Amino acid sequence: MPAHYVDYIPAGPTNLPHLPAPPPDSPPNRVINDLPDHQPILIPYQTAPDALGLFCIYAQKSTLIPTGNEGLDVIADALTFETQGNSHLVHSQIDPGLPSQEIHLEDIFSPFSSPTAGLLMCWQYSGANSKSSAEMKGLTREFLDNDVYRREDMRIFDDVREKRLMKEYLKDRSNLFCVENGWCSSSVKICLPKEKVKFPSEEDTPELEITGVHHRSLTDIIRSVFEDSIVSTFHLTPFHQQWEASDGRNINVYSEAYSSPAFIEAYKEINALPQDPGDDLE
């Protein structure tokens, strides 16, 4: 590649789309020793400095070191940027943990009589119970300035009707919060105080049962994300990042959580746990 054609994004080893892809990485550097508890020995792996002199020191060489091949819109935000990045990344930021190809804008507002009513109900159920001046500013910014807001819809808006429509929507098996999409419906019991009455213990207090609480398993959400192609953009192995100065010094660089000392220490603690014989997974 001629030098005057070589461009880079000044935030890491990310190439622009017209540059050739980097060669695939070799397997990780890790050895399972012969000790009875089969603790792995991590062999540090250091990357070569990029054009800015930045390089990484991993606790071990990971099978996945994202180098990226997306556009500038992935690491920065401006209205003038063309979307060249990973489409899965954009959808996953909007709807985490759900199949991005199955969700459209009309699906989000389908429980309500109109998108305008849906936006207003979303504002009512978010934030503080008593709407402050900050909440009113949020109403203007998130509701009145939204592209789907229609003033004519407000003339027939009825919050009682919208609440009834939401209940009917949740009873329909085709809604986004159904079991097929990983959602569960449970009840929660809350212990209540009683004026001028003392109870021997919390178990003896009156209870209020709240039904119809929709929730998802954290492990299911993590599993669904890791089954998506977006995982190829994740830094799964922590690292120290350093800058090679012109005078030969290496200066520590602190930025993201996956390059923090706390993440590296947690990674080493996990790898120090005993493993079954033959288990060479990261």
C-alpha atoms as a PDB file:
ATOM      1  CA  MET A   1       0.000   0.000   0.000  1.00  0.00           C
ATOM      2  CA  PRO A   2       1.598   3.325  -1.023  1.00  0.00           C
ATOM      3  CA  ALA A   3       2.214   5.558   1.959  1.00  0.00           C
ATOM      4  CA  HIS A   4       0.024   8.417   0.723  1.00  0.00           C
ATOM      5  CA  TYR A   5      -2.976   6.040   0.639  1.00  0.00           C
ATOM      6  CA  VAL A   6      -2.532   4.736   4.177  1.00  0.00           C
ATOM      7  CA  ASP A   7      -5.085   6.430   6.451  1.00  0.00           C
ATOM      8  CA  TYR A   8      -5.917   5.588  10.038  1.00  0.00           C
ATOM      9  CA  ILE A   9      -8.296   6.702  12.748  1.00  0.00           C
ATOM     10  CA  PRO A  10      -6.194   8.337  15.503  1.00  0.00           C
ATOM     11  CA  ALA A  11      -7.651   6.247  18.325  1.00  0.00           C
ATOM     12  CA  GLY A  12      -6.078   2.825  17.860  1.00  0.00           C
ATOM     13  CA  PRO A  13      -5.170   0.287  15.189  1.00  0.00           C
ATOM     14  CA  THR A  14      -8.450   0.762  13.282  1.00  0.00           C
ATOM     15  CA  ASN A  15      -8.044   0.788   9.504  1.00  0.00           C
ATOM     16  CA  LEU A  16     -10.354   2.512   7.081  1.00  0.00           C
ATOM     17  CA  PRO A  17     -12.528   0.317   4.806  1.00  0.00           C
ATOM     18  CA  HIS A  18     -10.274   0.607   1.726  1.00  0.00           C
ATOM     19  CA  LEU A  19      -7.252  -0.870   3.561  1.00  0.00           C
ATOM     20  CA  PRO A  20      -6.600  -4.632   3.538  1.00  0.00           C
ATOM     21  CA  ALA A  21      -7.661  -6.616   6.595  1.00  0.00           C
ATOM     22  CA  PRO A  22      -4.939  -7.620   9.092  1.00  0.00           C
ATOM     23  CA  PRO A  23      -3.772 -11.249   9.181  1.00  0.00           C
ATOM     24  CA  PRO A  24      -5.587 -13.568  11.631  1.00  0.00           C
ATOM     25  CA  ASP A  25      -4.162 -13.935  15.110  1.00  0.00           C
ATOM     26  CA  SER A  26      -2.550 -17.107  16.357  1.00  0.00           C
ATOM     27  CA  PRO A  27      -3.977 -19.048  19.363  1.00  0.00           C
ATOM     28  CA  PRO A  28      -3.589 -17.481  22.806  1.00  0.00           C
ATOM     29  CA  ASN A  29      -0.433 -17.818  24.848  1.00  0.00           C
ATOM     30  CA  ARG A  30      -1.382 -19.914  27.849  1.00  0.00           C
ATOM     31  CA  VAL A  31      -0.023 -23.118  29.320  1.00  0.00           C
ATOM     32  CA  ILE A  32      -1.890 -25.566  31.572  1.00  0.00           C
ATOM     33  CA  ASN A  33       0.717 -26.796  34.033  1.00  0.00           C
ATOM     34  CA  ASP A  34       0.925 -30.202  35.683  1.00  0.00           C
ATOM     35  CA  LEU A  35       0.018 -29.049  39.190  1.00  0.00           C
ATOM     36  CA  PRO A  36      -2.835 -30.912  40.909  1.00  0.00           C
ATOM     37  CA  ASP A  37      -5.174 -27.918  40.720  1.00  0.00           C
ATOM     38  CA  HIS A  38      -4.404 -27.365  37.002  1.00  0.00           C
ATOM     39  CA  GLN A  39      -3.923 -23.617  37.268  1.00  0.00           C
ATOM     40  CA  PRO A  40      -3.099 -21.972  33.914  1.00  0.00           C
ATOM     41  CA  ILE A  41       0.073 -19.944  33.522  1.00  0.00           C
ATOM     42  CA  LEU A  42      -0.602 -16.685  31.689  1.00  0.00           C
ATOM     43  CA  ILE A  43       2.095 -15.617  29.234  1.00  0.00           C
ATOM     44  CA  PRO A  44       1.929 -11.835  28.604  1.00  0.00           C
ATOM     45  CA  TYR A  45       1.501 -10.722  25.007  1.00  0.00           C
ATOM     46  CA  GLN A  46       2.558  -7.301  23.672  1.00  0.00           C
ATOM     47  CA  THR A  47       1.302  -5.737  20.450  1.00  0.00           C
ATOM     48  CA  ALA A  48       3.492  -3.675  18.139  1.00  0.00           C
ATOM     49  CA  PRO A  49       3.188   0.123  18.470  1.00  0.00           C
ATOM     50  CA  ASP A  50       0.729   1.710  16.057  1.00  0.00           C
ATOM     51  CA  ALA A  51       1.294   4.866  14.034  1.00  0.00           C
ATOM     52  CA  LEU A  52       0.846   6.992  17.158  1.00  0.00           C
ATOM     53  CA  GLY A  53       3.165   4.863  19.303  1.00  0.00           C
ATOM     54  CA  LEU A  54       0.361   3.205  21.298  1.00  0.00           C
ATOM     55  CA  PHE A  55       0.698  -0.483  22.163  1.00  0.00           C
ATOM     56  CA  CYS A  56      -1.024  -2.954  24.477  1.00  0.00           C
ATOM     57  CA  ILE A  57       0.291  -5.533  26.959  1.00  0.00           C
ATOM     58  CA  TYR A  58      -2.244  -8.332  27.478  1.00  0.00           C
ATOM     59  CA  ALA A  59      -2.239 -10.739  30.411  1.00  0.00           C
ATOM     60  CA  GLN A  60      -2.310 -13.392  27.686  1.00  0.00           C
ATOM     61  CA  LYS A  61      -2.804 -13.354  23.941  1.00  0.00           C
ATOM     62  CA  SER A  62      -6.531 -13.470  23.353  1.00  0.00           C
ATOM     63  CA  THR A  63      -8.174 -15.350  20.504  1.00  0.00           C
ATOM     64  CA  LEU A  64      -9.964 -12.066  19.764  1.00  0.00           C
ATOM     65  CA  ILE A  65      -8.144  -8.732  19.640  1.00  0.00           C
ATOM     66  CA  PRO A  66     -10.507  -6.291  17.921  1.00  0.00           C
ATOM     67  CA  THR A  67      -8.717  -4.224  15.310  1.00  0.00           C
ATOM     68  CA  GLY A  68     -11.900  -2.957  13.721  1.00  0.00           C
ATOM     69  CA  ASN A  69     -12.681  -2.062  10.153  1.00  0.00           C
ATOM     70  CA  GLU A  70     -15.450   0.434  10.755  1.00  0.00           C
ATOM     71  CA  GLY A  71     -15.749   4.067   9.889  1.00  0.00           C
ATOM     72  CA  LEU A  72     -15.163   7.138  11.995  1.00  0.00           C
ATOM     73  CA  ASP A  73     -18.825   7.058  13.121  1.00  0.00           C
ATOM     74  CA  VAL A  74     -18.057   4.113  15.451  1.00  0.00           C
ATOM     75  CA  ILE A  75     -15.726   6.131  17.699  1.00  0.00           C
ATOM     76  CA  ALA A  76     -17.184   9.615  17.172  1.00  0.00           C
ATOM     77  CA  ASP A  77     -20.563  11.230  16.588  1.00  0.00           C
ATOM     78  CA  ALA A  78     -21.568  13.976  14.186  1.00  0.00           C
ATOM     79  CA  LEU A  79     -24.574  14.594  11.959  1.00  0.00           C
ATOM     80  CA  THR A  80     -22.295  14.910   8.926  1.00  0.00           C
ATOM     81  CA  PHE A  81     -20.843  11.376   9.256  1.00  0.00           C
ATOM     82  CA  GLU A  82     -21.946   8.635   6.923  1.00  0.00           C
ATOM     83  CA  THR A  83     -22.838   5.382   8.691  1.00  0.00           C
ATOM     84  CA  GLN A  84     -20.040   2.997   7.726  1.00  0.00           C
ATOM     85  CA  GLY A  85     -19.849   1.041  10.953  1.00  0.00           C
ATOM     86  CA  ASN A  86     -21.345  -2.247  12.072  1.00  0.00           C
ATOM     87  CA  SER A  87     -25.121  -2.169  11.676  1.00  0.00           C
ATOM     88  CA  HIS A  88     -25.457  -4.702  14.519  1.00  0.00           C
ATOM     89  CA  LEU A  89     -23.646  -2.236  16.797  1.00  0.00           C
ATOM     90  CA  VAL A  90     -26.141   0.529  16.049  1.00  0.00           C
ATOM     91  CA  HIS A  91     -29.200  -1.693  16.630  1.00  0.00           C
ATOM     92  CA  SER A  92     -27.773  -3.277  19.780  1.00  0.00           C
ATOM     93  CA  GLN A  93     -27.232   0.139  21.367  1.00  0.00           C
ATOM     94  CA  ILE A  94     -30.922   0.924  20.818  1.00  0.00           C
ATOM     95  CA  ASP A  95     -32.395  -2.437  21.776  1.00  0.00           C
ATOM     96  CA  PRO A  96     -29.894  -4.359  23.937  1.00  0.00           C
ATOM     97  CA  GLY A  97     -30.438  -8.086  24.209  1.00  0.00           C
ATOM     98  CA  LEU A  98     -33.252  -8.316  21.655  1.00  0.00           C
ATOM     99  CA  PRO A  99     -33.119  -9.546  18.021  1.00  0.00           C
ATOM    100  CA  SER A 100     -32.396  -6.292  16.178  1.00  0.00           C
ATOM    101  CA  GLN A 101     -33.832  -7.495  12.865  1.00  0.00           C
ATOM    102  CA  GLU A 102     -37.242  -8.124  14.459  1.00  0.00           C
ATOM    103  CA  ILE A 103     -37.760  -4.685  16.014  1.00  0.00           C
ATOM    104  CA  HIS A 104     -38.962  -1.642  14.102  1.00  0.00           C
ATOM    105  CA  LEU A 105     -40.079   1.808  15.181  1.00  0.00           C
ATOM    106  CA  GLU A 106     -43.751   0.928  14.724  1.00  0.00           C
ATOM    107  CA  ASP A 107     -43.269  -2.107  17.022  1.00  0.00           C
ATOM    108  CA  ILE A 108     -42.086   0.090  19.884  1.00  0.00           C
ATOM    109  CA  PHE A 109     -45.241   2.238  19.784  1.00  0.00           C
ATOM    110  CA  SER A 110     -47.686  -0.518  18.794  1.00  0.00           C
ATOM    111  CA  PRO A 111     -49.297  -0.796  22.290  1.00  0.00           C
ATOM    112  CA  PHE A 112     -50.485   2.829  22.114  1.00  0.00           C
ATOM    113  CA  SER A 113     -53.047   4.673  20.056  1.00  0.00           C
ATOM    114  CA  SER A 114     -50.289   6.772  18.444  1.00  0.00           C
ATOM    115  CA  PRO A 115     -46.524   7.387  18.717  1.00  0.00           C
ATOM    116  CA  THR A 116     -47.372  10.726  20.344  1.00  0.00           C
ATOM    117  CA  ALA A 117     -49.312   8.965  23.109  1.00  0.00           C
ATOM    118  CA  GLY A 118     -46.490   6.442  23.532  1.00  0.00           C
ATOM    119  CA  LEU A 119     -43.894   9.171  24.006  1.00  0.00           C
ATOM    120  CA  LEU A 120     -46.015  10.932  26.607  1.00  0.00           C
ATOM    121  CA  MET A 121     -46.672   7.723  28.548  1.00  0.00           C
ATOM    122  CA  CYS A 122     -42.944   6.941  28.481  1.00  0.00           C
ATOM    123  CA  TRP A 123     -42.226  10.363  29.962  1.00  0.00           C
ATOM    124  CA  GLN A 124     -44.849   9.865  32.684  1.00  0.00           C
ATOM    125  CA  TYR A 125     -43.393   6.529  33.825  1.00  0.00           C
ATOM    126  CA  SER A 126     -39.754   7.679  33.788  1.00  0.00           C
ATOM    127  CA  GLY A 127     -37.848   9.922  36.174  1.00  0.00           C
ATOM    128  CA  ALA A 128     -39.114  11.095  39.548  1.00  0.00           C
ATOM    129  CA  ASN A 129     -42.589  10.468  40.921  1.00  0.00           C
ATOM    130  CA  SER A 130     -43.139  14.194  41.303  1.00  0.00           C
ATOM    131  CA  LYS A 131     -42.212  15.983  38.079  1.00  0.00           C
ATOM    132  CA  SER A 132     -39.687  18.732  38.791  1.00  0.00           C
ATOM    133  CA  SER A 133     -38.420  21.535  36.543  1.00  0.00           C
ATOM    134  CA  ALA A 134     -35.758  19.139  35.297  1.00  0.00           C
ATOM    135  CA  GLU A 135     -38.502  16.695  34.338  1.00  0.00           C
ATOM    136  CA  MET A 136     -40.324  19.463  32.484  1.00  0.00           C
ATOM    137  CA  LYS A 137     -37.171  20.222  30.511  1.00  0.00           C
ATOM    138  CA  GLY A 138     -36.968  16.529  29.712  1.00  0.00           C
ATOM    139  CA  LEU A 139     -40.551  16.651  28.462  1.00  0.00           C
ATOM    140  CA  THR A 140     -39.667  19.421  26.037  1.00  0.00           C
ATOM    141  CA  ARG A 141     -36.441  17.797  24.874  1.00  0.00           C
ATOM    142  CA  GLU A 142     -37.565  14.172  24.623  1.00  0.00           C
ATOM    143  CA  PHE A 143     -41.249  14.566  23.778  1.00  0.00           C
ATOM    144  CA  LEU A 144     -42.186  17.838  22.118  1.00  0.00           C
ATOM    145  CA  ASP A 145     -39.022  17.880  19.950  1.00  0.00           C
ATOM    146  CA  ASN A 146     -39.396  14.239  18.866  1.00  0.00           C
ATOM    147  CA  ASP A 147     -40.008  13.668  15.152  1.00  0.00           C
ATOM    148  CA  VAL A 148     -42.985  11.353  15.776  1.00  0.00           C
ATOM    149  CA  TYR A 149     -44.808  13.881  17.955  1.00  0.00           C
ATOM    150  CA  ARG A 150     -48.040  15.108  16.372  1.00  0.00           C
ATOM    151  CA  ARG A 151     -49.945  17.974  17.936  1.00  0.00           C
ATOM    152  CA  GLU A 152     -53.268  16.776  16.496  1.00  0.00           C
ATOM    153  CA  ASP A 153     -52.913  13.469  18.424  1.00  0.00           C
ATOM    154  CA  MET A 154     -52.865  15.341  21.723  1.00  0.00           C
ATOM    155  CA  ARG A 155     -56.407  16.601  21.172  1.00  0.00           C
ATOM    156  CA  ILE A 156     -57.735  13.055  21.691  1.00  0.00           C
ATOM    157  CA  PHE A 157     -55.114  11.856  24.207  1.00  0.00           C
ATOM    158  CA  ASP A 158     -56.535   9.945  27.197  1.00  0.00           C
ATOM    159  CA  ASP A 159     -54.061   8.451  29.705  1.00  0.00           C
ATOM    160  CA  VAL A 160     -56.720   6.011  31.048  1.00  0.00           C
ATOM    161  CA  ARG A 161     -57.172   4.586  27.567  1.00  0.00           C
ATOM    162  CA  GLU A 162     -53.417   4.318  27.012  1.00  0.00           C
ATOM    163  CA  LYS A 163     -52.952   2.401  30.276  1.00  0.00           C
ATOM    164  CA  ARG A 164     -55.729   0.012  29.237  1.00  0.00           C
ATOM    165  CA  LEU A 165     -54.063  -0.479  25.838  1.00  0.00           C
ATOM    166  CA  MET A 166     -50.759  -1.296  27.537  1.00  0.00           C
ATOM    167  CA  LYS A 167     -52.407  -3.980  29.691  1.00  0.00           C
ATOM    168  CA  GLU A 168     -54.062  -5.514  26.649  1.00  0.00           C
ATOM    169  CA  TYR A 169     -50.775  -5.423  24.757  1.00  0.00           C
ATOM    170  CA  LEU A 170     -48.933  -7.329  27.487  1.00  0.00           C
ATOM    171  CA  LYS A 171     -51.612 -10.056  27.422  1.00  0.00           C
ATOM    172  CA  ASP A 172     -51.025 -10.608  23.688  1.00  0.00           C
ATOM    173  CA  ARG A 173     -48.471 -13.359  22.993  1.00  0.00           C
ATOM    174  CA  SER A 174     -47.109 -11.408  20.018  1.00  0.00           C
ATOM    175  CA  ASN A 175     -45.722  -8.553  22.141  1.00  0.00           C
ATOM    176  CA  LEU A 176     -41.985  -7.995  22.521  1.00  0.00           C
ATOM    177  CA  PHE A 177     -42.105  -8.929  26.223  1.00  0.00           C
ATOM    178  CA  CYS A 178     -43.303 -12.508  25.667  1.00  0.00           C
ATOM    179  CA  VAL A 179     -41.549 -15.671  26.852  1.00  0.00           C
ATOM    180  CA  GLU A 180     -40.179 -16.367  23.371  1.00  0.00           C
ATOM    181  CA  ASN A 181     -38.064 -13.213  23.641  1.00  0.00           C
ATOM    182  CA  GLY A 182     -36.714 -14.266  27.033  1.00  0.00           C
ATOM    183  CA  TRP A 183     -39.091 -12.289  29.258  1.00  0.00           C
ATOM    184  CA  CYS A 184     -40.667 -13.625  32.448  1.00  0.00           C
ATOM    185  CA  SER A 185     -43.638 -12.346  34.437  1.00  0.00           C
ATOM    186  CA  SER A 186     -43.472 -12.590  38.227  1.00  0.00           C
ATOM    187  CA  SER A 187     -44.948 -11.075  41.340  1.00  0.00           C
ATOM    188  CA  VAL A 188     -43.117  -9.133  44.040  1.00  0.00           C
ATOM    189  CA  LYS A 189     -44.155  -8.986  47.693  1.00  0.00           C
ATOM    190  CA  ILE A 190     -43.361  -5.772  49.577  1.00  0.00           C
ATOM    191  CA  CYS A 191     -43.427  -5.542  53.375  1.00  0.00           C
ATOM    192  CA  LEU A 192     -45.494  -2.570  54.538  1.00  0.00           C
ATOM    193  CA  PRO A 193     -45.303  -0.539  57.752  1.00  0.00           C
ATOM    194  CA  LYS A 194     -48.400   0.146  59.828  1.00  0.00           C
ATOM    195  CA  GLU A 195     -48.890   3.324  61.801  1.00  0.00           C
ATOM    196  CA  LYS A 196     -48.549   2.958  65.599  1.00  0.00           C
ATOM    197  CA  VAL A 197     -47.981  -0.788  65.301  1.00  0.00           C
ATOM    198  CA  LYS A 198     -44.736  -2.634  66.042  1.00  0.00           C
ATOM    199  CA  PHE A 199     -44.026  -6.079  64.637  1.00  0.00           C
ATOM    200  CA  PRO A 200     -41.624  -8.664  66.109  1.00  0.00           C
ATOM    201  CA  SER A 201     -39.879  -9.100  62.750  1.00  0.00           C
ATOM    202  CA  GLU A 202     -40.118  -8.141  59.095  1.00  0.00           C
ATOM    203  CA  GLU A 203     -41.749 -11.501  58.319  1.00  0.00           C
ATOM    204  CA  ASP A 204     -44.731 -10.536  60.517  1.00  0.00           C
ATOM    205  CA  THR A 205     -45.519  -7.287  58.682  1.00  0.00           C
ATOM    206  CA  PRO A 206     -48.416  -7.049  56.186  1.00  0.00           C
ATOM    207  CA  GLU A 207     -47.439  -7.657  52.564  1.00  0.00           C
ATOM    208  CA  LEU A 208     -48.487  -6.015  49.335  1.00  0.00           C
ATOM    209  CA  GLU A 209     -48.162  -8.253  46.273  1.00  0.00           C
ATOM    210  CA  ILE A 210     -47.369  -6.564  42.955  1.00  0.00           C
ATOM    211  CA  THR A 211     -48.211  -8.800  40.006  1.00  0.00           C
ATOM    212  CA  GLY A 212     -47.201  -8.580  36.362  1.00  0.00           C
ATOM    213  CA  VAL A 213     -43.565  -7.544  36.878  1.00  0.00           C
ATOM    214  CA  HIS A 214     -41.705  -8.260  33.616  1.00  0.00           C
ATOM    215  CA  HIS A 215     -38.020  -9.062  33.836  1.00  0.00           C
ATOM    216  CA  ARG A 216     -35.236 -10.914  32.046  1.00  0.00           C
ATOM    217  CA  SER A 217     -32.418 -13.132  33.252  1.00  0.00           C
ATOM    218  CA  LEU A 218     -29.042 -11.411  33.207  1.00  0.00           C
ATOM    219  CA  THR A 219     -27.353 -14.599  32.010  1.00  0.00           C
ATOM    220  CA  ASP A 220     -29.846 -14.874  29.138  1.00  0.00           C
ATOM    221  CA  ILE A 221     -29.097 -11.301  28.090  1.00  0.00           C
ATOM    222  CA  ILE A 222     -25.344 -11.941  28.222  1.00  0.00           C
ATOM    223  CA  ARG A 223     -25.761 -15.159  26.228  1.00  0.00           C
ATOM    224  CA  SER A 224     -27.877 -13.474  23.535  1.00  0.00           C
ATOM    225  CA  VAL A 225     -25.306 -10.696  23.123  1.00  0.00           C
ATOM    226  CA  PHE A 226     -22.427 -13.159  22.825  1.00  0.00           C
ATOM    227  CA  GLU A 227     -24.349 -15.078  20.146  1.00  0.00           C
ATOM    228  CA  ASP A 228     -24.566 -11.880  18.084  1.00  0.00           C
ATOM    229  CA  SER A 229     -21.871 -10.766  15.643  1.00  0.00           C
ATOM    230  CA  ILE A 230     -21.393  -7.600  17.715  1.00  0.00           C
ATOM    231  CA  VAL A 231     -19.191  -9.614  20.080  1.00  0.00           C
ATOM    232  CA  SER A 232     -16.381  -9.376  17.513  1.00  0.00           C
ATOM    233  CA  THR A 233     -16.033  -5.702  18.500  1.00  0.00           C
ATOM    234  CA  PHE A 234     -15.673  -6.424  22.254  1.00  0.00           C
ATOM    235  CA  HIS A 235     -12.399  -6.385  24.177  1.00  0.00           C
ATOM    236  CA  LEU A 236     -12.758  -9.629  26.137  1.00  0.00           C
ATOM    237  CA  THR A 237      -9.190  -9.735  27.464  1.00  0.00           C
ATOM    238  CA  PRO A 238      -7.948  -6.758  29.525  1.00  0.00           C
ATOM    239  CA  PHE A 239      -4.637  -5.076  28.809  1.00  0.00           C
ATOM    240  CA  HIS A 240      -2.248  -2.339  29.875  1.00  0.00           C
ATOM    241  CA  GLN A 241      -1.959   0.399  27.270  1.00  0.00           C
ATOM    242  CA  GLN A 242       1.249   2.357  26.925  1.00  0.00           C
ATOM    243  CA  TRP A 243       2.667   5.066  24.701  1.00  0.00           C
ATOM    244  CA  GLU A 244       6.158   4.812  23.270  1.00  0.00           C
ATOM    245  CA  ALA A 245       7.518   8.349  23.496  1.00  0.00           C
ATOM    246  CA  SER A 246      10.137   9.715  21.116  1.00  0.00           C
ATOM    247  CA  ASP A 247      12.786   9.627  23.880  1.00  0.00           C
ATOM    248  CA  GLY A 248      12.282   5.864  24.384  1.00  0.00           C
ATOM    249  CA  ARG A 249      10.128   6.055  27.519  1.00  0.00           C
ATOM    250  CA  ASN A 250       6.942   4.001  27.859  1.00  0.00           C
ATOM    251  CA  ILE A 251       4.142   6.009  29.460  1.00  0.00           C
ATOM    252  CA  ASN A 252       0.982   4.397  30.845  1.00  0.00           C
ATOM    253  CA  VAL A 253      -2.281   5.356  29.154  1.00  0.00           C
ATOM    254  CA  TYR A 254      -5.595   5.101  31.044  1.00  0.00           C
ATOM    255  CA  SER A 255      -8.842   5.098  29.090  1.00  0.00           C
ATOM    256  CA  GLU A 256     -11.511   2.373  29.018  1.00  0.00           C
ATOM    257  CA  ALA A 257     -12.648  -0.091  31.697  1.00  0.00           C
ATOM    258  CA  TYR A 258     -11.088  -3.037  29.824  1.00  0.00           C
ATOM    259  CA  SER A 259      -7.648  -1.411  30.171  1.00  0.00           C
ATOM    260  CA  SER A 260      -8.011  -0.563  33.861  1.00  0.00           C
ATOM    261  CA  PRO A 261      -5.902  -2.136  36.634  1.00  0.00           C
ATOM    262  CA  ALA A 262      -9.072  -3.382  38.378  1.00  0.00           C
ATOM    263  CA  PHE A 263     -10.153  -5.357  35.294  1.00  0.00           C
ATOM    264  CA  ILE A 264      -6.689  -6.903  34.955  1.00  0.00           C
ATOM    265  CA  GLU A 265      -6.612  -7.939  38.612  1.00  0.00           C
ATOM    266  CA  ALA A 266     -10.075  -9.519  38.321  1.00  0.00           C
ATOM    267  CA  TYR A 267      -8.953 -11.365  35.186  1.00  0.00           C
ATOM    268  CA  LYS A 268      -5.921 -12.781  36.986  1.00  0.00           C
ATOM    269  CA  GLU A 269      -8.076 -13.862  39.962  1.00  0.00           C
ATOM    270  CA  ILE A 270     -10.426 -15.771  37.659  1.00  0.00           C
ATOM    271  CA  ASN A 271      -7.556 -17.495  35.858  1.00  0.00           C
ATOM    272  CA  ALA A 272      -6.035 -18.486  39.207  1.00  0.00           C
ATOM    273  CA  LEU A 273      -9.051 -20.671  39.974  1.00  0.00           C
ATOM    274  CA  PRO A 274      -8.580 -24.453  39.557  1.00  0.00           C
ATOM    275  CA  GLN A 275      -9.628 -25.890  36.198  1.00  0.00           C
ATOM    276  CA  ASP A 276     -10.616 -29.372  35.122  1.00  0.00           C
ATOM    277  CA  PRO A 277      -8.000 -31.434  33.292  1.00  0.00           C
ATOM    278  CA  GLY A 278      -8.052 -30.714  29.569  1.00  0.00           C
ATOM    279  CA  ASP A 279      -9.898 -27.410  29.943  1.00  0.00           C
ATOM    280  CA  ASP A 280      -7.919 -24.932  27.855  1.00  0.00           C
ATOM    281  CA  LEU A 281     -10.713 -22.392  27.287  1.00  0.00           C
ATOM    282  CA  GLU A 282     -10.072 -18.748  28.047  1.00  0.00           C
END
